N, C-alpha and C. Protein backbone atom coordinates (compact mmCIF):
# COMPACT_ATOMS: atom_id res chain seq x y z
N MET A 1 0.89 -1.28 0.08
CA MET A 1 0.01 -0.06 0.02
C MET A 1 0.82 1.34 0.10
N ALA A 2 2.13 1.19 0.55
CA ALA A 2 2.98 2.28 0.55
C ALA A 2 3.36 2.78 -0.83
N TYR A 3 3.66 1.83 -1.66
CA TYR A 3 4.14 2.39 -3.01
C TYR A 3 3.12 3.12 -3.75
N PRO A 4 1.87 2.66 -4.07
CA PRO A 4 0.92 3.54 -4.62
C PRO A 4 0.58 4.71 -3.88
N THR A 5 0.62 4.82 -2.41
CA THR A 5 0.38 6.01 -1.76
C THR A 5 1.48 6.95 -2.03
N VAL A 6 2.79 6.55 -1.91
CA VAL A 6 3.83 7.58 -2.32
C VAL A 6 3.62 8.23 -3.60
N PHE A 7 3.39 7.36 -4.70
CA PHE A 7 3.21 7.83 -6.01
C PHE A 7 2.10 8.81 -6.21
N PHE A 8 0.99 8.57 -5.55
CA PHE A 8 -0.08 9.35 -5.59
C PHE A 8 0.12 10.77 -4.91
N ILE A 9 0.67 10.81 -3.68
CA ILE A 9 1.15 11.98 -3.01
C ILE A 9 2.06 12.83 -4.02
N ILE A 10 3.11 12.17 -4.45
CA ILE A 10 4.01 12.81 -5.41
C ILE A 10 3.20 13.48 -6.71
N ALA A 11 2.29 12.72 -7.25
CA ALA A 11 1.44 13.30 -8.29
C ALA A 11 0.78 14.52 -7.89
N ILE A 12 0.22 14.50 -6.61
CA ILE A 12 -0.57 15.70 -6.30
C ILE A 12 0.34 16.87 -6.00
N VAL A 13 1.51 16.74 -5.46
CA VAL A 13 2.47 17.64 -5.18
C VAL A 13 2.96 18.46 -6.48
N LEU A 14 3.33 17.52 -7.31
CA LEU A 14 4.11 18.07 -8.72
C LEU A 14 2.90 18.72 -9.64
N ILE A 15 1.82 18.18 -9.55
CA ILE A 15 0.85 18.84 -10.45
C ILE A 15 0.22 20.30 -9.83
N ALA A 16 0.24 20.38 -8.55
CA ALA A 16 -0.20 21.41 -7.84
C ALA A 16 0.81 22.62 -8.02
N TRP A 17 2.10 22.07 -7.94
CA TRP A 17 3.31 23.09 -8.19
C TRP A 17 3.07 23.37 -9.73
N LEU A 18 2.85 22.59 -10.66
CA LEU A 18 2.85 22.97 -12.03
C LEU A 18 1.68 23.98 -12.18
N PHE A 19 0.57 23.69 -11.78
CA PHE A 19 -0.54 24.61 -12.06
C PHE A 19 -0.29 26.15 -11.36
N LEU A 20 0.38 26.04 -10.21
CA LEU A 20 0.75 27.35 -9.46
C LEU A 20 1.72 28.03 -10.11
N LYS A 21 2.87 27.34 -10.80
CA LYS A 21 3.88 27.97 -11.39
C LYS A 21 4.42 27.06 -12.48
N SER A 22 3.99 27.23 -13.53
CA SER A 22 4.51 26.35 -14.80
C SER A 22 5.95 26.80 -15.16
N SER A 23 6.80 26.13 -15.13
CA SER A 23 8.33 26.41 -15.32
C SER A 23 8.97 25.11 -16.05
N LYS A 24 10.23 25.40 -16.60
CA LYS A 24 11.05 24.32 -17.13
C LYS A 24 11.22 23.12 -16.10
N LEU A 25 11.47 23.65 -14.69
CA LEU A 25 11.74 22.66 -13.72
C LEU A 25 10.44 21.80 -13.46
N SER A 26 9.38 22.54 -13.31
CA SER A 26 8.21 21.75 -12.82
C SER A 26 7.65 21.01 -14.07
N ASN A 27 7.92 21.53 -15.21
CA ASN A 27 7.51 20.58 -16.41
C ASN A 27 8.36 19.31 -16.47
N ALA A 28 9.64 19.49 -16.21
CA ALA A 28 10.60 18.48 -16.45
C ALA A 28 10.37 17.32 -15.20
N LEU A 29 9.91 17.87 -14.23
CA LEU A 29 9.54 16.82 -13.07
C LEU A 29 8.34 16.16 -13.30
N VAL A 30 7.31 16.72 -13.82
CA VAL A 30 6.12 15.96 -14.18
C VAL A 30 6.38 14.93 -15.28
N LYS A 31 7.11 15.48 -16.18
CA LYS A 31 7.60 14.46 -17.28
C LYS A 31 8.30 13.18 -16.79
N LEU A 32 9.38 13.56 -15.87
CA LEU A 32 10.09 12.35 -15.22
C LEU A 32 9.16 11.54 -14.44
N TYR A 33 8.17 12.11 -13.72
CA TYR A 33 7.13 11.37 -13.08
C TYR A 33 6.41 10.48 -14.02
N PHE A 34 6.11 10.90 -15.12
CA PHE A 34 5.41 9.97 -16.25
C PHE A 34 6.27 8.92 -16.64
N VAL A 35 7.67 9.29 -16.68
CA VAL A 35 8.71 8.35 -17.40
C VAL A 35 8.53 7.09 -16.39
N PHE A 36 8.62 7.36 -15.02
CA PHE A 36 8.65 6.26 -14.00
C PHE A 36 7.21 5.62 -13.91
N SER A 37 6.35 6.50 -14.08
CA SER A 37 4.84 5.79 -13.82
C SER A 37 4.53 4.99 -15.09
N PHE A 38 4.74 5.30 -16.37
CA PHE A 38 4.42 4.78 -17.40
C PHE A 38 5.35 3.65 -17.82
N GLY A 39 6.63 3.87 -17.30
CA GLY A 39 7.62 2.81 -17.68
C GLY A 39 7.56 1.71 -16.48
N LEU A 40 6.98 1.81 -15.44
CA LEU A 40 6.78 0.86 -14.29
C LEU A 40 5.40 0.27 -14.55
N SER A 41 4.38 1.02 -14.51
CA SER A 41 2.93 0.51 -14.19
C SER A 41 2.51 -0.19 -15.59
N GLY A 42 2.77 0.44 -16.72
CA GLY A 42 2.30 -0.13 -17.98
C GLY A 42 2.85 -1.48 -18.15
N PRO A 43 4.22 -1.70 -18.45
CA PRO A 43 4.81 -3.07 -18.70
C PRO A 43 4.45 -3.97 -17.59
N LEU A 44 4.54 -3.56 -16.30
CA LEU A 44 4.37 -4.40 -15.06
C LEU A 44 3.02 -4.94 -15.07
N PHE A 45 2.08 -4.07 -15.31
CA PHE A 45 0.53 -4.52 -15.17
C PHE A 45 0.22 -5.57 -16.38
N PHE A 46 0.45 -5.04 -17.59
CA PHE A 46 0.15 -5.90 -18.71
C PHE A 46 0.91 -7.07 -18.83
N MET A 47 2.11 -7.04 -18.53
CA MET A 47 2.98 -8.44 -18.80
C MET A 47 2.93 -9.18 -17.73
N VAL A 48 2.65 -8.84 -16.42
CA VAL A 48 2.57 -9.58 -15.28
C VAL A 48 1.18 -9.98 -14.93
N PHE A 49 0.25 -8.93 -14.74
CA PHE A 49 -1.12 -9.24 -14.23
C PHE A 49 -2.01 -9.48 -15.25
N TYR A 50 -2.07 -8.54 -16.30
CA TYR A 50 -3.13 -8.51 -17.40
C TYR A 50 -2.97 -9.72 -18.22
N SER A 51 -1.73 -10.49 -18.29
CA SER A 51 -1.40 -11.53 -19.16
C SER A 51 -2.08 -12.85 -18.68
N LYS A 52 -2.50 -12.86 -17.30
CA LYS A 52 -3.05 -13.93 -16.69
C LYS A 52 -4.45 -14.25 -17.19
N SER A 53 -5.04 -13.01 -17.73
CA SER A 53 -6.52 -13.08 -18.24
C SER A 53 -6.63 -12.90 -19.70
N SER A 54 -5.60 -12.54 -20.35
CA SER A 54 -5.57 -12.21 -21.70
C SER A 54 -4.29 -12.84 -22.40
N GLY A 55 -4.32 -12.87 -23.78
CA GLY A 55 -3.15 -13.44 -24.38
C GLY A 55 -1.98 -12.68 -24.17
N LEU A 56 -0.95 -13.42 -24.33
CA LEU A 56 0.36 -12.97 -24.17
C LEU A 56 0.94 -11.91 -25.21
N VAL A 57 0.28 -12.03 -26.44
CA VAL A 57 0.45 -11.08 -27.44
C VAL A 57 -0.17 -9.76 -27.23
N GLU A 58 -1.35 -9.76 -26.69
CA GLU A 58 -2.10 -8.54 -26.51
C GLU A 58 -1.48 -7.81 -25.29
N SER A 59 -1.11 -8.63 -24.16
CA SER A 59 -0.44 -8.07 -22.98
C SER A 59 0.94 -7.48 -23.22
N TYR A 60 1.63 -8.08 -24.06
CA TYR A 60 2.97 -7.52 -24.40
C TYR A 60 2.86 -6.30 -25.38
N PHE A 61 2.00 -6.26 -26.26
CA PHE A 61 1.67 -5.14 -27.15
C PHE A 61 1.30 -4.06 -26.37
N MET A 62 0.34 -4.03 -25.49
CA MET A 62 -0.13 -3.03 -24.63
C MET A 62 0.97 -2.43 -23.66
N GLY A 63 1.76 -3.48 -23.14
CA GLY A 63 2.81 -3.01 -22.25
C GLY A 63 3.98 -2.22 -22.97
N SER A 64 4.28 -2.74 -24.14
CA SER A 64 5.12 -2.02 -25.11
C SER A 64 4.77 -0.64 -25.60
N LEU A 65 3.36 -0.45 -25.64
CA LEU A 65 2.90 0.93 -26.00
C LEU A 65 3.00 1.75 -24.86
N PHE A 66 2.90 1.33 -23.59
CA PHE A 66 3.21 2.20 -22.48
C PHE A 66 4.77 2.49 -22.22
N ALA A 67 5.57 1.62 -22.60
CA ALA A 67 7.17 1.85 -22.65
C ALA A 67 7.42 2.87 -23.58
N VAL A 68 6.75 2.83 -24.83
CA VAL A 68 7.16 3.91 -25.74
C VAL A 68 6.71 5.14 -25.12
N VAL A 69 5.47 5.27 -24.54
CA VAL A 69 5.17 6.58 -23.96
C VAL A 69 6.15 7.06 -22.95
N ALA A 70 6.55 6.16 -22.16
CA ALA A 70 7.73 6.50 -21.11
C ALA A 70 8.88 7.18 -21.68
N ILE A 71 9.33 6.34 -22.76
CA ILE A 71 10.63 6.91 -23.57
C ILE A 71 10.25 8.12 -24.18
N LEU A 72 9.17 8.47 -24.83
CA LEU A 72 8.86 9.61 -25.41
C LEU A 72 8.80 10.86 -24.37
N PHE A 73 8.37 10.69 -23.26
CA PHE A 73 8.28 11.59 -22.14
C PHE A 73 9.61 11.84 -21.81
N ALA A 74 10.57 10.89 -21.69
CA ALA A 74 11.97 11.17 -21.32
C ALA A 74 12.57 12.10 -22.25
N VAL A 75 12.43 11.71 -23.65
CA VAL A 75 13.00 12.46 -24.56
C VAL A 75 12.70 13.95 -24.61
N ASP A 76 11.29 14.21 -24.30
CA ASP A 76 10.73 15.55 -24.19
C ASP A 76 11.35 16.29 -22.93
N ILE A 77 11.96 15.64 -22.07
CA ILE A 77 12.39 16.50 -20.99
C ILE A 77 13.51 17.39 -21.43
N PHE A 78 14.21 16.73 -22.50
CA PHE A 78 15.37 17.56 -23.14
C PHE A 78 14.83 18.19 -24.38
N ARG A 79 14.01 17.87 -25.14
CA ARG A 79 13.44 18.45 -26.10
C ARG A 79 12.55 19.65 -25.88
N GLN A 80 11.78 19.44 -24.88
CA GLN A 80 10.93 20.60 -24.34
C GLN A 80 9.83 21.05 -25.33
N LYS A 81 9.41 20.13 -26.13
CA LYS A 81 8.18 20.52 -26.99
C LYS A 81 7.03 20.67 -26.19
N ILE A 82 6.67 19.88 -25.29
CA ILE A 82 5.37 19.77 -24.51
C ILE A 82 5.69 20.78 -23.20
N VAL A 83 4.75 21.63 -23.10
CA VAL A 83 4.80 22.66 -22.01
C VAL A 83 3.36 22.67 -21.31
N PHE A 84 3.30 21.86 -20.23
CA PHE A 84 2.09 21.88 -19.42
C PHE A 84 1.93 23.23 -18.70
N HIS A 85 0.64 23.77 -18.70
CA HIS A 85 0.30 24.82 -17.89
C HIS A 85 -1.01 25.00 -17.80
N LEU A 86 -1.54 25.66 -16.82
CA LEU A 86 -2.95 25.98 -16.52
C LEU A 86 -3.43 27.02 -17.40
N VAL A 87 -4.14 26.68 -18.39
CA VAL A 87 -4.46 27.77 -19.52
C VAL A 87 -5.19 28.70 -19.02
N GLN A 88 -5.14 29.92 -19.79
CA GLN A 88 -5.78 31.33 -19.42
C GLN A 88 -7.16 31.38 -19.64
N ALA A 89 -7.63 30.60 -20.78
CA ALA A 89 -9.10 30.56 -20.99
C ALA A 89 -9.84 30.15 -19.78
N ASN A 90 -10.85 31.04 -19.53
CA ASN A 90 -11.64 30.85 -18.13
C ASN A 90 -12.21 29.58 -18.15
N TRP A 91 -12.99 29.00 -19.20
CA TRP A 91 -13.66 27.84 -19.10
C TRP A 91 -12.81 26.54 -19.12
N GLN A 92 -11.74 26.68 -19.88
CA GLN A 92 -10.85 25.48 -19.86
C GLN A 92 -10.08 25.34 -18.57
N ARG A 93 -9.89 26.48 -18.01
CA ARG A 93 -8.97 26.52 -16.74
C ARG A 93 -9.85 25.71 -15.75
N TRP A 94 -11.17 26.15 -15.63
CA TRP A 94 -11.94 25.31 -14.72
C TRP A 94 -12.29 23.91 -15.12
N VAL A 95 -12.42 23.64 -16.26
CA VAL A 95 -12.55 22.24 -16.76
C VAL A 95 -11.32 21.43 -16.38
N THR A 96 -10.18 22.11 -16.59
CA THR A 96 -8.91 21.34 -16.35
C THR A 96 -8.73 21.06 -14.65
N LEU A 97 -9.15 21.97 -13.92
CA LEU A 97 -9.14 21.82 -12.46
C LEU A 97 -10.02 20.81 -12.05
N ILE A 98 -11.36 20.86 -12.44
CA ILE A 98 -12.34 20.00 -12.10
C ILE A 98 -11.99 18.55 -12.59
N LEU A 99 -11.37 18.32 -13.75
CA LEU A 99 -10.91 17.00 -14.36
C LEU A 99 -9.96 16.44 -13.43
N THR A 100 -8.94 17.27 -13.05
CA THR A 100 -7.73 16.93 -12.37
C THR A 100 -8.26 16.37 -10.93
N LEU A 101 -9.06 17.19 -10.45
CA LEU A 101 -9.52 16.80 -9.18
C LEU A 101 -10.40 15.45 -9.27
N LEU A 102 -10.98 15.30 -10.24
CA LEU A 102 -11.78 13.93 -10.63
C LEU A 102 -10.78 12.74 -10.67
N VAL A 103 -9.73 12.99 -11.34
CA VAL A 103 -8.82 11.77 -11.58
C VAL A 103 -8.12 11.61 -10.10
N PHE A 104 -7.92 12.55 -9.33
CA PHE A 104 -7.41 12.19 -8.04
C PHE A 104 -8.34 11.67 -7.13
N CYS A 105 -9.70 11.58 -7.35
CA CYS A 105 -10.73 10.94 -6.68
C CYS A 105 -10.88 9.53 -7.19
N TYR A 106 -10.09 8.92 -8.07
CA TYR A 106 -10.12 7.66 -8.57
C TYR A 106 -10.14 6.74 -7.33
N PRO A 107 -9.31 6.83 -6.33
CA PRO A 107 -9.23 5.76 -5.32
C PRO A 107 -10.53 5.81 -4.51
N LEU A 108 -11.11 7.07 -4.27
CA LEU A 108 -12.28 7.23 -3.73
C LEU A 108 -13.59 6.43 -4.36
N PHE A 109 -13.58 6.61 -5.57
CA PHE A 109 -14.63 5.87 -6.48
C PHE A 109 -14.38 4.38 -6.42
N SER A 110 -13.16 3.88 -6.34
CA SER A 110 -12.89 2.50 -6.31
C SER A 110 -13.35 1.93 -5.00
N ILE A 111 -13.07 2.53 -3.86
CA ILE A 111 -13.59 2.19 -2.59
C ILE A 111 -15.12 2.27 -2.48
N ALA A 112 -15.86 3.25 -3.05
CA ALA A 112 -17.26 3.36 -3.06
C ALA A 112 -17.83 2.28 -3.87
N LEU A 113 -17.10 1.74 -4.83
CA LEU A 113 -17.58 0.70 -5.76
C LEU A 113 -17.26 -0.68 -5.23
N GLY A 114 -16.66 -0.84 -3.86
CA GLY A 114 -16.55 -1.88 -3.32
C GLY A 114 -15.12 -2.47 -3.49
N HIS A 115 -14.25 -1.90 -4.16
CA HIS A 115 -12.87 -2.30 -4.44
C HIS A 115 -11.95 -2.12 -3.31
N TYR A 116 -11.12 -2.92 -2.99
CA TYR A 116 -10.02 -2.71 -1.95
C TYR A 116 -8.63 -3.16 -2.60
N PHE A 117 -7.70 -2.71 -1.88
CA PHE A 117 -6.43 -3.03 -2.26
C PHE A 117 -6.14 -4.45 -2.58
N PRO A 118 -5.47 -4.92 -3.50
CA PRO A 118 -4.70 -4.05 -4.62
C PRO A 118 -5.77 -3.67 -5.76
N ARG A 119 -6.99 -3.63 -5.65
CA ARG A 119 -7.78 -3.23 -6.77
C ARG A 119 -8.15 -1.82 -6.80
N ILE A 120 -7.81 -1.06 -5.79
CA ILE A 120 -8.05 0.44 -5.65
C ILE A 120 -7.03 1.13 -6.66
N LEU A 121 -7.77 1.94 -7.61
CA LEU A 121 -6.97 2.46 -8.70
C LEU A 121 -6.21 3.77 -8.31
N PHE A 122 -4.96 4.00 -8.20
CA PHE A 122 -4.16 5.13 -7.80
C PHE A 122 -3.64 5.58 -8.95
N PRO A 123 -3.73 6.92 -9.28
CA PRO A 123 -2.91 7.65 -10.44
C PRO A 123 -1.38 7.38 -10.11
N GLY A 124 -0.66 7.13 -11.11
CA GLY A 124 0.87 6.77 -11.05
C GLY A 124 1.20 5.43 -10.96
N THR A 125 0.40 4.54 -10.37
CA THR A 125 0.73 3.11 -10.29
C THR A 125 -0.02 2.22 -11.05
N LEU A 126 -1.27 2.50 -11.79
CA LEU A 126 -1.99 1.66 -12.57
C LEU A 126 -2.22 2.52 -13.90
N PRO A 127 -2.20 1.87 -15.06
CA PRO A 127 -2.26 2.53 -16.41
C PRO A 127 -3.49 3.43 -16.64
N CYS A 128 -4.76 3.00 -16.13
CA CYS A 128 -5.96 3.74 -16.27
C CYS A 128 -5.94 5.19 -15.86
N PRO A 129 -5.54 5.32 -14.47
CA PRO A 129 -5.70 6.65 -13.94
C PRO A 129 -4.59 7.53 -14.28
N THR A 130 -3.45 6.80 -14.59
CA THR A 130 -2.08 7.45 -14.91
C THR A 130 -2.28 8.03 -16.43
N THR A 131 -3.02 7.31 -17.14
CA THR A 131 -3.28 7.69 -18.59
C THR A 131 -4.21 8.83 -18.62
N THR A 132 -5.16 8.80 -17.61
CA THR A 132 -6.31 10.02 -17.45
C THR A 132 -5.56 11.21 -16.98
N ILE A 133 -4.68 11.21 -16.03
CA ILE A 133 -4.23 12.49 -15.77
C ILE A 133 -3.18 12.93 -16.80
N ALA A 134 -2.54 12.15 -17.55
CA ALA A 134 -1.52 12.46 -18.59
C ALA A 134 -2.32 13.22 -19.52
N LEU A 135 -3.52 12.66 -20.03
CA LEU A 135 -4.34 13.33 -21.01
C LEU A 135 -4.89 14.76 -20.52
N VAL A 136 -5.23 14.88 -19.23
CA VAL A 136 -5.74 16.03 -18.87
C VAL A 136 -4.59 17.18 -19.00
N LEU A 137 -3.31 16.85 -18.76
CA LEU A 137 -2.25 17.65 -18.61
C LEU A 137 -2.01 18.10 -20.19
N LEU A 138 -1.96 16.91 -21.01
CA LEU A 138 -1.74 17.17 -22.40
C LEU A 138 -2.67 18.12 -23.10
N THR A 139 -3.82 18.13 -22.63
CA THR A 139 -4.83 19.23 -23.20
C THR A 139 -4.45 20.61 -23.02
N THR A 140 -3.70 20.89 -21.87
CA THR A 140 -3.18 22.02 -21.59
C THR A 140 -1.98 22.61 -22.34
N ALA A 141 -1.37 21.59 -22.92
CA ALA A 141 -0.05 21.87 -23.73
C ALA A 141 -0.46 22.15 -25.16
N LEU A 142 -1.70 21.74 -25.63
CA LEU A 142 -2.05 21.80 -27.13
C LEU A 142 -1.71 23.19 -27.58
N PRO A 143 -1.27 23.42 -28.79
CA PRO A 143 -1.02 22.28 -29.75
C PRO A 143 0.32 21.86 -29.88
N ARG A 144 1.27 22.26 -28.69
CA ARG A 144 2.53 21.68 -28.67
C ARG A 144 2.58 20.38 -27.85
N VAL A 145 2.16 19.28 -28.54
CA VAL A 145 2.24 18.03 -27.85
C VAL A 145 2.85 16.95 -28.63
N ASP A 146 3.34 16.07 -28.12
CA ASP A 146 3.94 14.81 -29.11
C ASP A 146 2.69 13.97 -29.38
N LYS A 147 2.38 13.99 -30.67
CA LYS A 147 1.13 13.34 -31.07
C LYS A 147 1.07 11.87 -30.99
N ILE A 148 2.44 11.24 -31.03
CA ILE A 148 2.48 9.79 -30.90
C ILE A 148 2.02 9.46 -29.39
N ILE A 149 2.33 10.33 -28.41
CA ILE A 149 2.12 9.97 -27.03
C ILE A 149 0.39 10.20 -27.04
N TYR A 150 0.13 11.30 -27.46
CA TYR A 150 -1.45 11.69 -27.42
C TYR A 150 -2.32 10.60 -27.99
N PHE A 151 -1.78 9.98 -29.23
CA PHE A 151 -2.67 8.94 -29.95
C PHE A 151 -2.66 7.72 -29.25
N ILE A 152 -1.52 7.26 -28.61
CA ILE A 152 -1.42 6.08 -27.81
C ILE A 152 -2.33 6.12 -26.62
N LEU A 153 -2.42 7.23 -25.80
CA LEU A 153 -3.11 7.41 -24.63
C LEU A 153 -4.74 7.51 -25.04
N LEU A 154 -4.79 8.28 -26.23
CA LEU A 154 -6.25 8.29 -26.74
C LEU A 154 -6.85 6.87 -27.04
N PHE A 155 -6.06 6.26 -27.58
CA PHE A 155 -6.41 4.79 -28.09
C PHE A 155 -6.68 3.86 -26.98
N PHE A 156 -5.82 4.03 -26.01
CA PHE A 156 -6.04 3.25 -24.68
C PHE A 156 -7.22 3.73 -23.80
N SER A 157 -7.28 5.13 -23.56
CA SER A 157 -8.49 5.55 -22.89
C SER A 157 -9.87 5.31 -23.37
N ILE A 158 -10.04 5.46 -24.63
CA ILE A 158 -11.50 5.42 -25.12
C ILE A 158 -11.71 3.83 -25.52
N LEU A 159 -10.89 3.18 -26.21
CA LEU A 159 -11.08 1.83 -26.60
C LEU A 159 -11.07 0.82 -25.43
N SER A 160 -10.08 0.91 -24.65
CA SER A 160 -9.95 0.07 -23.42
C SER A 160 -11.15 0.34 -22.48
N ALA A 161 -11.52 1.60 -22.11
CA ALA A 161 -12.59 1.80 -21.12
C ALA A 161 -13.94 1.20 -21.95
N ALA A 162 -14.19 1.57 -23.12
CA ALA A 162 -15.50 1.39 -23.63
C ALA A 162 -15.85 -0.05 -23.92
N PHE A 163 -14.78 -0.88 -24.30
CA PHE A 163 -14.96 -2.19 -24.81
C PHE A 163 -14.43 -3.31 -23.78
N PHE A 164 -13.54 -2.95 -22.85
CA PHE A 164 -13.05 -3.92 -21.94
C PHE A 164 -13.16 -3.56 -20.53
N ASP A 165 -12.66 -2.46 -20.10
CA ASP A 165 -12.62 -2.15 -18.55
C ASP A 165 -14.04 -2.11 -18.05
N ILE A 166 -14.90 -1.42 -18.70
CA ILE A 166 -16.32 -1.23 -18.13
C ILE A 166 -17.11 -2.42 -18.31
N PRO A 167 -17.42 -2.79 -19.67
CA PRO A 167 -18.44 -3.92 -19.85
C PRO A 167 -17.82 -5.25 -19.36
N LYS A 168 -16.54 -5.58 -19.62
CA LYS A 168 -15.92 -7.04 -19.48
C LYS A 168 -15.45 -7.14 -18.05
N TYR A 169 -14.81 -6.14 -17.35
CA TYR A 169 -14.26 -6.22 -16.15
C TYR A 169 -14.93 -5.49 -15.01
N GLY A 170 -15.91 -4.73 -15.25
CA GLY A 170 -16.70 -3.98 -14.51
C GLY A 170 -15.90 -3.08 -13.61
N VAL A 171 -14.92 -2.37 -14.25
CA VAL A 171 -14.24 -1.35 -13.59
C VAL A 171 -14.72 0.02 -14.05
N TYR A 172 -15.87 0.25 -13.33
CA TYR A 172 -16.90 1.56 -13.66
C TYR A 172 -16.00 2.76 -13.34
N GLU A 173 -15.07 2.66 -12.49
CA GLU A 173 -14.27 3.90 -12.28
C GLU A 173 -13.72 4.42 -13.60
N ASP A 174 -13.52 3.56 -14.51
CA ASP A 174 -12.84 3.98 -15.85
C ASP A 174 -13.76 4.73 -16.79
N GLY A 175 -15.01 5.00 -16.17
CA GLY A 175 -15.84 5.78 -16.89
C GLY A 175 -15.27 7.37 -16.90
N ILE A 176 -14.36 7.46 -15.70
CA ILE A 176 -13.65 8.96 -15.80
C ILE A 176 -12.62 8.94 -16.82
N MET A 177 -11.94 7.94 -16.99
CA MET A 177 -10.96 7.79 -18.19
C MET A 177 -11.71 7.80 -19.57
N LEU A 178 -12.80 7.17 -19.70
CA LEU A 178 -13.65 7.41 -21.07
C LEU A 178 -13.96 8.76 -21.31
N GLY A 179 -14.59 9.40 -20.23
CA GLY A 179 -15.03 10.77 -20.51
C GLY A 179 -13.91 11.84 -20.73
N ILE A 180 -12.76 11.60 -19.95
CA ILE A 180 -11.64 12.45 -20.43
C ILE A 180 -10.98 12.08 -21.62
N GLY A 181 -11.17 10.88 -22.09
CA GLY A 181 -10.49 10.56 -23.38
C GLY A 181 -11.21 11.21 -24.51
N ILE A 182 -12.66 11.15 -24.31
CA ILE A 182 -13.43 11.94 -25.31
C ILE A 182 -13.27 13.27 -25.37
N TYR A 183 -13.09 14.01 -24.20
CA TYR A 183 -12.80 15.53 -24.02
C TYR A 183 -11.47 15.70 -24.63
N SER A 184 -10.30 14.76 -24.46
CA SER A 184 -9.16 15.07 -24.83
C SER A 184 -8.99 15.08 -26.52
N LEU A 185 -9.94 14.10 -27.04
CA LEU A 185 -10.08 13.93 -28.50
C LEU A 185 -10.56 15.18 -29.11
N VAL A 186 -11.71 15.63 -28.33
CA VAL A 186 -12.31 16.93 -28.86
C VAL A 186 -11.34 18.03 -28.94
N MET A 187 -10.55 18.29 -27.75
CA MET A 187 -9.75 19.26 -27.80
C MET A 187 -8.53 19.15 -28.84
N LEU A 188 -8.18 17.89 -29.11
CA LEU A 188 -7.14 17.77 -30.15
C LEU A 188 -7.68 18.20 -31.45
N VAL A 189 -8.77 17.71 -31.90
CA VAL A 189 -9.43 17.98 -33.09
C VAL A 189 -9.61 19.62 -33.30
N THR A 190 -9.99 20.25 -32.01
CA THR A 190 -10.27 21.76 -31.99
C THR A 190 -8.98 22.49 -32.31
N HIS A 191 -7.91 22.03 -31.85
CA HIS A 191 -6.57 22.77 -31.88
C HIS A 191 -5.69 22.24 -32.91
N TRP A 192 -6.40 21.25 -33.85
CA TRP A 192 -5.42 20.44 -34.77
C TRP A 192 -4.54 21.51 -35.74
N ARG A 193 -5.42 22.52 -36.10
CA ARG A 193 -4.87 23.37 -37.19
C ARG A 193 -4.08 24.70 -36.34
N ASP A 194 -4.20 24.70 -35.17
CA ASP A 194 -3.31 25.80 -34.52
C ASP A 194 -1.79 25.71 -34.72
N LYS A 195 -1.22 26.85 -34.90
CA LYS A 195 0.15 26.81 -35.08
C LYS A 195 0.82 27.01 -33.84
N PRO A 196 1.87 26.20 -33.30
CA PRO A 196 2.40 26.34 -31.96
C PRO A 196 3.11 27.48 -31.90
N THR A 197 3.20 28.02 -30.63
CA THR A 197 3.97 29.20 -30.36
C THR A 197 4.83 28.98 -29.03
N LEU A 198 5.76 29.60 -28.79
CA LEU A 198 6.69 29.62 -27.75
C LEU A 198 5.71 29.72 -26.49
N SER A 199 4.77 30.59 -26.51
CA SER A 199 3.81 30.76 -25.26
C SER A 199 3.04 29.71 -24.99
N ASN A 200 2.77 28.85 -25.89
CA ASN A 200 1.94 27.77 -25.46
C ASN A 200 2.57 26.27 -25.77
């Protein structure tokens, strides 16, 4: 229980710092957090736990996708293409804050639905809530995002939640991931033709 709790607290601290003051350091630390989170939770979950109920090919494919996401976040620490920040547009600022709070309530929803450790979903330690918080932050960086990261996370958030997590496994908490995945897709389409600038 200590491992997920520590990762959860670190996520809250880093994202609160990022929203209060977006800087190269806060951005780099959030990306480093995602490097460890996706690099550990993705391959570990899919190749060790998920493979017990699904085929090895599917499990290794999904685990590899999350490893790619971790590598691309690591590259962007130095590339600095993605710049997370709390956007100035009033409506999007409030949507971002509400969705972030919703993601951090993942463990509460798990408990309310009768799930207990190790089935409680914590951001940073399991793929679904980690994907969800990453997508929320990526919408704040549009259009300056790595589209490979964005597409992988969209693919997982929408298809996995809609066709597997909720109907097959009864992980109803992942309705959060599905909703944020759809929101992130709409935001990507909305900003698709925007020209990146240094300010965003």
